[in-house]
Amino acid sequence: MAGIAVSTTINGDQAEFLCHPDETLLEVLRERLGLMGVKEGCGTGDCGACSIILDDRLVCSCLVLGAEAEGRRIATVEGMAQGDKLHPLQQKFLEHAALQCGICTPGFLIAAKDLLAKNPDPTEEEIRFGLAGNLCRCTGYDKIVRAVQDAASVMRGA
């Protein structure tokens, strides 16, 4: 079967790839483009481990076909840091020990980034709601919520 040629922008850089019609964007990002921060947890859109931002919208990449990336903008966890300088969310996740095994962490970071882009000063309830599509089996959610609250404060310059 012939591949579908796709041209897209990933983390601000132009990218081109060939994919099969039934290949998910998750598979393309990991297997064809080497972006290993995007994780497969469930493959059904229930866990959020594969979360990305697609044209300013938080989506589960396991539910998007690779061919649907044509002409779109994709943001993954790999695009958050600036060189060796961690994004404030990444730094606060470390400081608050808001991770253990790491499978869910990239999805939480992307979901939190999306939330804070839309609401720079969220309440705890808004953070919990904004992260509700992401599941963690190790740390629980309190440390994650505190890390997002702290990062939001830093990002606002408060």
N, C-alpha and C. Protein backbone atom coordinates (compact mmCIF):
# COMPACT_ATOMS: atom_id res chain seq x y z
N MET A 1 0.84 -1.17 0.00
CA MET A 1 0.00 0.00 0.00
C MET A 1 0.89 1.24 0.00
N ALA A 2 0.58 2.19 -0.85
CA ALA A 2 1.36 3.42 -0.95
C ALA A 2 1.10 4.31 0.26
N GLY A 3 2.14 5.06 0.63
CA GLY A 3 2.00 5.98 1.75
C GLY A 3 1.38 7.29 1.33
N ILE A 4 0.83 7.99 2.29
CA ILE A 4 0.26 9.31 2.08
C ILE A 4 1.30 10.33 2.51
N ALA A 5 1.61 11.27 1.62
CA ALA A 5 2.59 12.32 1.93
C ALA A 5 1.90 13.40 2.76
N VAL A 6 2.53 13.73 3.89
CA VAL A 6 1.97 14.72 4.80
C VAL A 6 3.03 15.77 5.10
N SER A 7 2.62 17.03 5.02
CA SER A 7 3.48 18.15 5.39
C SER A 7 2.80 18.89 6.54
N THR A 8 3.54 19.09 7.62
CA THR A 8 2.95 19.66 8.82
C THR A 8 4.01 20.47 9.57
N THR A 9 3.62 21.10 10.64
CA THR A 9 4.54 21.81 11.52
C THR A 9 4.50 21.15 12.89
N ILE A 10 5.67 20.73 13.38
CA ILE A 10 5.75 20.09 14.68
C ILE A 10 6.71 20.89 15.55
N ASN A 11 6.21 21.39 16.66
CA ASN A 11 7.00 22.19 17.59
C ASN A 11 7.71 23.34 16.88
N GLY A 12 7.00 23.95 15.93
CA GLY A 12 7.51 25.11 15.21
C GLY A 12 8.37 24.80 14.00
N ASP A 13 8.68 23.54 13.76
CA ASP A 13 9.51 23.15 12.62
C ASP A 13 8.69 22.41 11.58
N GLN A 14 9.00 22.69 10.30
CA GLN A 14 8.35 21.97 9.22
C GLN A 14 8.75 20.50 9.26
N ALA A 15 7.80 19.63 9.00
CA ALA A 15 8.08 18.20 8.97
C ALA A 15 7.28 17.57 7.83
N GLU A 16 7.90 16.60 7.19
CA GLU A 16 7.21 15.85 6.14
C GLU A 16 7.41 14.37 6.41
N PHE A 17 6.39 13.59 6.14
CA PHE A 17 6.49 12.15 6.34
C PHE A 17 5.49 11.44 5.45
N LEU A 18 5.71 10.15 5.29
CA LEU A 18 4.76 9.27 4.62
C LEU A 18 4.11 8.41 5.68
N CYS A 19 2.81 8.20 5.54
CA CYS A 19 2.12 7.33 6.50
C CYS A 19 1.09 6.49 5.77
N HIS A 20 0.70 5.41 6.39
CA HIS A 20 -0.36 4.56 5.87
C HIS A 20 -1.70 5.17 6.23
N PRO A 21 -2.73 4.92 5.44
CA PRO A 21 -4.05 5.52 5.71
C PRO A 21 -4.62 5.20 7.09
N ASP A 22 -4.25 4.04 7.65
CA ASP A 22 -4.81 3.65 8.95
C ASP A 22 -3.86 3.91 10.11
N GLU A 23 -2.76 4.59 9.85
CA GLU A 23 -1.75 4.85 10.88
C GLU A 23 -2.16 6.07 11.72
N THR A 24 -2.09 5.93 13.04
CA THR A 24 -2.46 7.05 13.90
C THR A 24 -1.33 8.07 13.98
N LEU A 25 -1.70 9.27 14.37
CA LEU A 25 -0.69 10.31 14.56
C LEU A 25 0.27 9.91 15.68
N LEU A 26 -0.22 9.23 16.69
CA LEU A 26 0.65 8.70 17.75
C LEU A 26 1.74 7.81 17.15
N GLU A 27 1.36 6.89 16.29
CA GLU A 27 2.33 5.99 15.67
C GLU A 27 3.33 6.77 14.82
N VAL A 28 2.84 7.74 14.06
CA VAL A 28 3.73 8.56 13.22
C VAL A 28 4.73 9.32 14.07
N LEU A 29 4.24 9.99 15.11
CA LEU A 29 5.12 10.80 15.95
C LEU A 29 6.21 9.95 16.58
N ARG A 30 5.85 8.79 17.09
CA ARG A 30 6.83 7.92 17.77
C ARG A 30 7.71 7.15 16.79
N GLU A 31 7.07 6.42 15.88
CA GLU A 31 7.80 5.46 15.05
C GLU A 31 8.46 6.06 13.82
N ARG A 32 7.86 7.07 13.24
CA ARG A 32 8.44 7.67 12.03
C ARG A 32 9.29 8.90 12.34
N LEU A 33 8.89 9.65 13.36
CA LEU A 33 9.57 10.92 13.64
C LEU A 33 10.40 10.89 14.92
N GLY A 34 10.35 9.82 15.67
CA GLY A 34 11.20 9.66 16.85
C GLY A 34 10.85 10.54 18.03
N LEU A 35 9.63 11.04 18.08
CA LEU A 35 9.19 11.88 19.21
C LEU A 35 8.62 10.96 20.29
N MET A 36 9.51 10.49 21.14
CA MET A 36 9.16 9.45 22.10
C MET A 36 8.47 9.98 23.36
N GLY A 37 8.32 11.30 23.49
CA GLY A 37 7.61 11.85 24.63
C GLY A 37 6.12 11.55 24.57
N VAL A 38 5.60 11.35 23.38
CA VAL A 38 4.20 11.00 23.21
C VAL A 38 4.08 9.51 23.53
N LYS A 39 3.30 9.17 24.54
CA LYS A 39 3.22 7.78 25.01
C LYS A 39 1.89 7.14 24.63
N GLU A 40 1.94 5.83 24.42
CA GLU A 40 0.69 5.08 24.25
C GLU A 40 0.36 4.40 25.56
N GLY A 41 -0.73 4.82 26.16
CA GLY A 41 -1.16 4.20 27.40
C GLY A 41 -2.29 3.23 27.16
N CYS A 42 -3.31 3.68 26.43
CA CYS A 42 -4.50 2.85 26.24
C CYS A 42 -4.83 2.60 24.77
N GLY A 43 -4.50 3.55 23.90
CA GLY A 43 -4.84 3.42 22.48
C GLY A 43 -6.29 3.71 22.16
N THR A 44 -7.06 4.16 23.16
CA THR A 44 -8.48 4.43 22.95
C THR A 44 -8.91 5.83 23.37
N GLY A 45 -7.96 6.69 23.70
CA GLY A 45 -8.28 8.06 24.08
C GLY A 45 -8.77 8.24 25.50
N ASP A 46 -8.59 7.23 26.33
CA ASP A 46 -9.10 7.30 27.69
C ASP A 46 -8.09 7.81 28.71
N CYS A 47 -6.78 7.69 28.43
CA CYS A 47 -5.79 7.96 29.49
C CYS A 47 -5.06 9.29 29.34
N GLY A 48 -4.98 9.84 28.13
CA GLY A 48 -4.31 11.12 27.93
C GLY A 48 -2.81 11.07 27.80
N ALA A 49 -2.20 9.88 27.86
CA ALA A 49 -0.74 9.78 27.77
C ALA A 49 -0.21 10.25 26.42
N CYS A 50 -1.04 10.19 25.40
CA CYS A 50 -0.62 10.58 24.05
C CYS A 50 -1.06 11.99 23.68
N SER A 51 -1.42 12.80 24.68
CA SER A 51 -1.93 14.15 24.42
C SER A 51 -0.93 15.02 23.67
N ILE A 52 -1.46 15.75 22.71
CA ILE A 52 -0.71 16.75 21.96
C ILE A 52 -1.64 17.95 21.78
N ILE A 53 -1.07 19.05 21.32
CA ILE A 53 -1.89 20.20 20.95
C ILE A 53 -1.87 20.25 19.43
N LEU A 54 -3.05 20.15 18.84
CA LEU A 54 -3.22 20.16 17.38
C LEU A 54 -4.02 21.40 17.02
N ASP A 55 -3.35 22.35 16.37
CA ASP A 55 -4.00 23.62 16.03
C ASP A 55 -4.70 24.23 17.25
N ASP A 56 -3.96 24.38 18.33
CA ASP A 56 -4.45 25.02 19.55
C ASP A 56 -5.57 24.26 20.26
N ARG A 57 -5.67 22.97 19.98
CA ARG A 57 -6.70 22.14 20.63
C ARG A 57 -6.04 20.89 21.20
N LEU A 58 -6.30 20.61 22.46
CA LEU A 58 -5.76 19.42 23.10
C LEU A 58 -6.48 18.19 22.56
N VAL A 59 -5.70 17.22 22.04
CA VAL A 59 -6.28 15.99 21.50
C VAL A 59 -5.43 14.80 21.91
N CYS A 60 -6.04 13.64 21.87
CA CYS A 60 -5.32 12.38 22.05
C CYS A 60 -4.83 11.94 20.67
N SER A 61 -3.52 11.85 20.50
CA SER A 61 -2.98 11.52 19.18
C SER A 61 -3.30 10.10 18.75
N CYS A 62 -3.72 9.24 19.67
CA CYS A 62 -4.11 7.88 19.29
C CYS A 62 -5.46 7.87 18.58
N LEU A 63 -6.19 8.98 18.63
CA LEU A 63 -7.51 9.07 17.99
C LEU A 63 -7.49 9.87 16.70
N VAL A 64 -6.30 10.33 16.29
CA VAL A 64 -6.15 11.14 15.09
C VAL A 64 -5.33 10.34 14.09
N LEU A 65 -5.76 10.31 12.85
CA LEU A 65 -4.97 9.64 11.82
C LEU A 65 -3.79 10.52 11.44
N GLY A 66 -2.68 9.90 11.11
CA GLY A 66 -1.49 10.65 10.72
C GLY A 66 -1.75 11.57 9.54
N ALA A 67 -2.56 11.12 8.59
CA ALA A 67 -2.86 11.92 7.41
C ALA A 67 -3.62 13.19 7.76
N GLU A 68 -4.31 13.20 8.89
CA GLU A 68 -5.05 14.39 9.31
C GLU A 68 -4.13 15.52 9.77
N ALA A 69 -2.84 15.25 9.89
CA ALA A 69 -1.89 16.29 10.30
C ALA A 69 -1.52 17.22 9.15
N GLU A 70 -1.95 16.90 7.95
CA GLU A 70 -1.62 17.71 6.77
C GLU A 70 -1.98 19.18 7.01
N GLY A 71 -0.95 20.04 6.91
CA GLY A 71 -1.15 21.48 7.03
C GLY A 71 -1.47 21.98 8.43
N ARG A 72 -1.35 21.12 9.41
CA ARG A 72 -1.71 21.49 10.78
C ARG A 72 -0.47 21.82 11.60
N ARG A 73 -0.71 22.40 12.79
CA ARG A 73 0.35 22.70 13.76
C ARG A 73 0.24 21.74 14.93
N ILE A 74 1.33 21.09 15.25
CA ILE A 74 1.36 20.10 16.33
C ILE A 74 2.37 20.57 17.38
N ALA A 75 1.98 20.48 18.64
CA ALA A 75 2.90 20.75 19.74
C ALA A 75 2.96 19.51 20.62
N THR A 76 4.19 19.06 20.90
CA THR A 76 4.41 17.91 21.78
C THR A 76 5.28 18.36 22.95
N VAL A 77 5.45 17.48 23.91
CA VAL A 77 6.27 17.79 25.08
C VAL A 77 7.71 18.13 24.68
N GLU A 78 8.19 17.57 23.59
CA GLU A 78 9.56 17.86 23.15
C GLU A 78 9.77 19.34 22.81
N GLY A 79 8.70 20.05 22.50
CA GLY A 79 8.80 21.46 22.15
C GLY A 79 8.66 22.41 23.32
N MET A 80 8.52 21.90 24.53
CA MET A 80 8.29 22.78 25.68
C MET A 80 9.56 23.47 26.18
N ALA A 81 10.63 22.74 26.33
CA ALA A 81 11.88 23.32 26.85
C ALA A 81 12.52 24.21 25.79
N GLN A 82 13.29 25.18 26.24
CA GLN A 82 14.07 26.03 25.35
C GLN A 82 15.53 25.66 25.53
N GLY A 83 16.02 24.74 24.70
CA GLY A 83 17.38 24.25 24.87
C GLY A 83 17.48 23.48 26.18
N ASP A 84 18.41 23.89 27.04
CA ASP A 84 18.59 23.24 28.34
C ASP A 84 17.68 23.82 29.42
N LYS A 85 16.95 24.88 29.10
CA LYS A 85 16.08 25.53 30.08
C LYS A 85 14.69 24.91 30.02
N LEU A 86 14.31 24.26 31.11
CA LEU A 86 13.00 23.63 31.18
C LEU A 86 11.88 24.67 31.17
N HIS A 87 10.76 24.30 30.60
CA HIS A 87 9.54 25.11 30.69
C HIS A 87 9.14 25.17 32.17
N PRO A 88 8.54 26.25 32.64
CA PRO A 88 8.14 26.32 34.04
C PRO A 88 7.30 25.13 34.51
N LEU A 89 6.44 24.62 33.66
CA LEU A 89 5.66 23.43 34.05
C LEU A 89 6.57 22.24 34.29
N GLN A 90 7.54 22.02 33.41
CA GLN A 90 8.47 20.91 33.59
C GLN A 90 9.26 21.07 34.89
N GLN A 91 9.72 22.29 35.14
CA GLN A 91 10.50 22.56 36.35
C GLN A 91 9.67 22.32 37.61
N LYS A 92 8.44 22.78 37.59
CA LYS A 92 7.59 22.62 38.78
C LYS A 92 7.17 21.16 38.98
N PHE A 93 7.00 20.40 37.92
CA PHE A 93 6.73 18.97 38.08
C PHE A 93 7.89 18.30 38.80
N LEU A 94 9.11 18.70 38.45
CA LEU A 94 10.28 18.15 39.14
C LEU A 94 10.31 18.58 40.60
N GLU A 95 10.15 19.87 40.84
CA GLU A 95 10.23 20.40 42.20
C GLU A 95 9.16 19.83 43.13
N HIS A 96 7.98 19.55 42.59
CA HIS A 96 6.88 19.03 43.40
C HIS A 96 6.82 17.51 43.39
N ALA A 97 7.79 16.87 42.75
CA ALA A 97 7.80 15.40 42.63
C ALA A 97 6.46 14.91 42.08
N ALA A 98 6.00 15.57 41.03
CA ALA A 98 4.69 15.27 40.45
C ALA A 98 4.77 14.20 39.36
N LEU A 99 5.70 13.28 39.52
CA LEU A 99 5.84 12.19 38.56
C LEU A 99 6.51 11.02 39.24
N GLN A 100 6.26 9.84 38.71
CA GLN A 100 6.97 8.65 39.18
C GLN A 100 7.43 7.84 37.98
N CYS A 101 6.55 7.03 37.41
CA CYS A 101 6.99 6.17 36.31
C CYS A 101 7.21 6.96 35.02
N GLY A 102 6.50 8.07 34.85
CA GLY A 102 6.71 8.94 33.70
C GLY A 102 5.83 8.69 32.49
N ILE A 103 5.05 7.63 32.49
CA ILE A 103 4.21 7.35 31.32
C ILE A 103 3.19 8.47 31.10
N CYS A 104 2.58 8.95 32.16
CA CYS A 104 1.54 9.97 32.02
C CYS A 104 2.09 11.40 31.95
N THR A 105 3.32 11.60 32.37
CA THR A 105 3.86 12.95 32.55
C THR A 105 3.80 13.82 31.30
N PRO A 106 4.24 13.35 30.12
CA PRO A 106 4.16 14.22 28.95
C PRO A 106 2.73 14.67 28.63
N GLY A 107 1.77 13.77 28.79
CA GLY A 107 0.38 14.13 28.55
C GLY A 107 -0.13 15.17 29.53
N PHE A 108 0.23 15.01 30.80
CA PHE A 108 -0.15 16.01 31.81
C PHE A 108 0.50 17.36 31.50
N LEU A 109 1.77 17.35 31.11
CA LEU A 109 2.46 18.61 30.80
C LEU A 109 1.79 19.33 29.63
N ILE A 110 1.46 18.60 28.58
CA ILE A 110 0.82 19.22 27.42
C ILE A 110 -0.58 19.71 27.78
N ALA A 111 -1.33 18.92 28.55
CA ALA A 111 -2.67 19.35 28.96
C ALA A 111 -2.59 20.60 29.84
N ALA A 112 -1.61 20.64 30.73
CA ALA A 112 -1.43 21.82 31.59
C ALA A 112 -1.01 23.03 30.77
N LYS A 113 -0.14 22.82 29.80
CA LYS A 113 0.28 23.92 28.92
C LYS A 113 -0.93 24.49 28.18
N ASP A 114 -1.77 23.61 27.66
CA ASP A 114 -2.97 24.04 26.96
C ASP A 114 -3.90 24.80 27.90
N LEU A 115 -4.09 24.28 29.09
CA LEU A 115 -4.94 24.94 30.09
C LEU A 115 -4.44 26.34 30.40
N LEU A 116 -3.14 26.46 30.70
CA LEU A 116 -2.59 27.76 31.10
C LEU A 116 -2.54 28.75 29.95
N ALA A 117 -2.47 28.26 28.72
CA ALA A 117 -2.53 29.17 27.56
C ALA A 117 -3.92 29.80 27.46
N LYS A 118 -4.93 29.07 27.87
CA LYS A 118 -6.31 29.55 27.79
C LYS A 118 -6.78 30.23 29.07
N ASN A 119 -6.17 29.84 30.19
CA ASN A 119 -6.56 30.37 31.50
C ASN A 119 -5.31 30.48 32.37
N PRO A 120 -4.62 31.63 32.34
CA PRO A 120 -3.35 31.75 33.06
C PRO A 120 -3.46 31.76 34.59
N ASP A 121 -4.66 31.90 35.12
CA ASP A 121 -4.84 31.95 36.57
C ASP A 121 -5.99 31.03 37.00
N PRO A 122 -5.84 29.73 36.77
CA PRO A 122 -6.95 28.82 37.07
C PRO A 122 -7.07 28.51 38.55
N THR A 123 -8.28 28.23 38.97
CA THR A 123 -8.52 27.75 40.33
C THR A 123 -8.11 26.27 40.39
N GLU A 124 -8.05 25.73 41.60
CA GLU A 124 -7.75 24.30 41.72
C GLU A 124 -8.79 23.47 40.98
N GLU A 125 -10.04 23.85 41.10
CA GLU A 125 -11.12 23.12 40.42
C GLU A 125 -10.93 23.17 38.90
N GLU A 126 -10.56 24.33 38.37
CA GLU A 126 -10.34 24.46 36.93
C GLU A 126 -9.15 23.63 36.48
N ILE A 127 -8.12 23.55 37.30
CA ILE A 127 -6.96 22.71 36.97
C ILE A 127 -7.38 21.25 36.94
N ARG A 128 -8.08 20.81 37.96
CA ARG A 128 -8.53 19.41 38.00
C ARG A 128 -9.43 19.09 36.80
N PHE A 129 -10.30 20.00 36.45
CA PHE A 129 -11.17 19.80 35.29
C PHE A 129 -10.34 19.77 34.00
N GLY A 130 -9.38 20.69 33.88
CA GLY A 130 -8.54 20.76 32.68
C GLY A 130 -7.65 19.55 32.49
N LEU A 131 -7.34 18.88 33.58
CA LEU A 131 -6.48 17.69 33.51
C LEU A 131 -7.28 16.39 33.62
N ALA A 132 -8.59 16.48 33.62
CA ALA A 132 -9.44 15.30 33.85
C ALA A 132 -9.29 14.23 32.78
N GLY A 133 -8.81 14.58 31.61
CA GLY A 133 -8.62 13.60 30.54
C GLY A 133 -7.31 12.85 30.65
N ASN A 134 -6.55 13.12 31.70
CA ASN A 134 -5.25 12.47 31.90
C ASN A 134 -5.30 11.63 33.17
N LEU A 135 -4.85 10.40 33.06
CA LEU A 135 -4.86 9.48 34.20
C LEU A 135 -3.45 9.18 34.67
N CYS A 136 -3.31 9.06 36.00
CA CYS A 136 -2.04 8.69 36.63
C CYS A 136 -2.32 7.58 37.62
N ARG A 137 -1.52 6.53 37.54
CA ARG A 137 -1.70 5.40 38.45
C ARG A 137 -0.67 5.40 39.57
N CYS A 138 0.29 6.31 39.54
CA CYS A 138 1.40 6.26 40.51
C CYS A 138 1.32 7.33 41.59
N THR A 139 1.30 8.60 41.19
CA THR A 139 1.48 9.68 42.16
C THR A 139 0.18 10.21 42.73
N GLY A 140 -0.93 9.93 42.10
CA GLY A 140 -2.14 10.63 42.48
C GLY A 140 -2.10 12.01 41.84
N TYR A 141 -3.00 12.86 42.21
CA TYR A 141 -3.14 14.12 41.48
C TYR A 141 -2.77 15.36 42.27
N ASP A 142 -2.67 15.28 43.58
CA ASP A 142 -2.41 16.47 44.38
C ASP A 142 -1.09 17.14 44.02
N LYS A 143 -0.03 16.38 43.87
CA LYS A 143 1.27 16.96 43.52
C LYS A 143 1.23 17.57 42.12
N ILE A 144 0.51 16.94 41.22
CA ILE A 144 0.38 17.47 39.86
C ILE A 144 -0.36 18.80 39.89
N VAL A 145 -1.45 18.86 40.62
CA VAL A 145 -2.23 20.10 40.72
C VAL A 145 -1.38 21.20 41.35
N ARG A 146 -0.66 20.89 42.42
CA ARG A 146 0.20 21.90 43.06
C ARG A 146 1.29 22.38 42.10
N ALA A 147 1.85 21.47 41.32
CA ALA A 147 2.88 21.86 40.35
C ALA A 147 2.30 22.82 39.31
N VAL A 148 1.10 22.55 38.84
CA VAL A 148 0.46 23.43 37.84
C VAL A 148 0.14 24.78 38.47
N GLN A 149 -0.35 24.79 39.71
CA GLN A 149 -0.63 26.06 40.39
C GLN A 149 0.64 26.90 40.51
N ASP A 150 1.72 26.26 40.92
CA ASP A 150 2.99 26.95 41.10
C ASP A 150 3.53 27.46 39.76
N ALA A 151 3.45 26.63 38.74
CA ALA A 151 3.92 27.05 37.41
C ALA A 151 3.09 28.20 36.87
N ALA A 152 1.79 28.16 37.10
CA ALA A 152 0.92 29.25 36.65
C ALA A 152 1.35 30.56 37.28
N SER A 153 1.67 30.52 38.56
CA SER A 153 2.12 31.71 39.27
C SER A 153 3.42 32.24 38.67
N VAL A 154 4.36 31.35 38.42
CA VAL A 154 5.64 31.74 37.81
C VAL A 154 5.42 32.33 36.42
N MET A 155 4.58 31.69 35.64
CA MET A 155 4.34 32.14 34.26
C MET A 155 3.63 33.49 34.22
N ARG A 156 2.83 33.78 35.24
CA ARG A 156 2.17 35.09 35.33
C ARG A 156 3.10 36.15 35.87
N GLY A 157 4.25 35.73 36.41
CA GLY A 157 5.17 36.67 37.02
C GLY A 157 4.74 37.11 38.40
N ALA A 158 3.87 36.33 39.01
CA ALA A 158 3.35 36.68 40.34
C ALA A 158 4.34 36.33 41.43
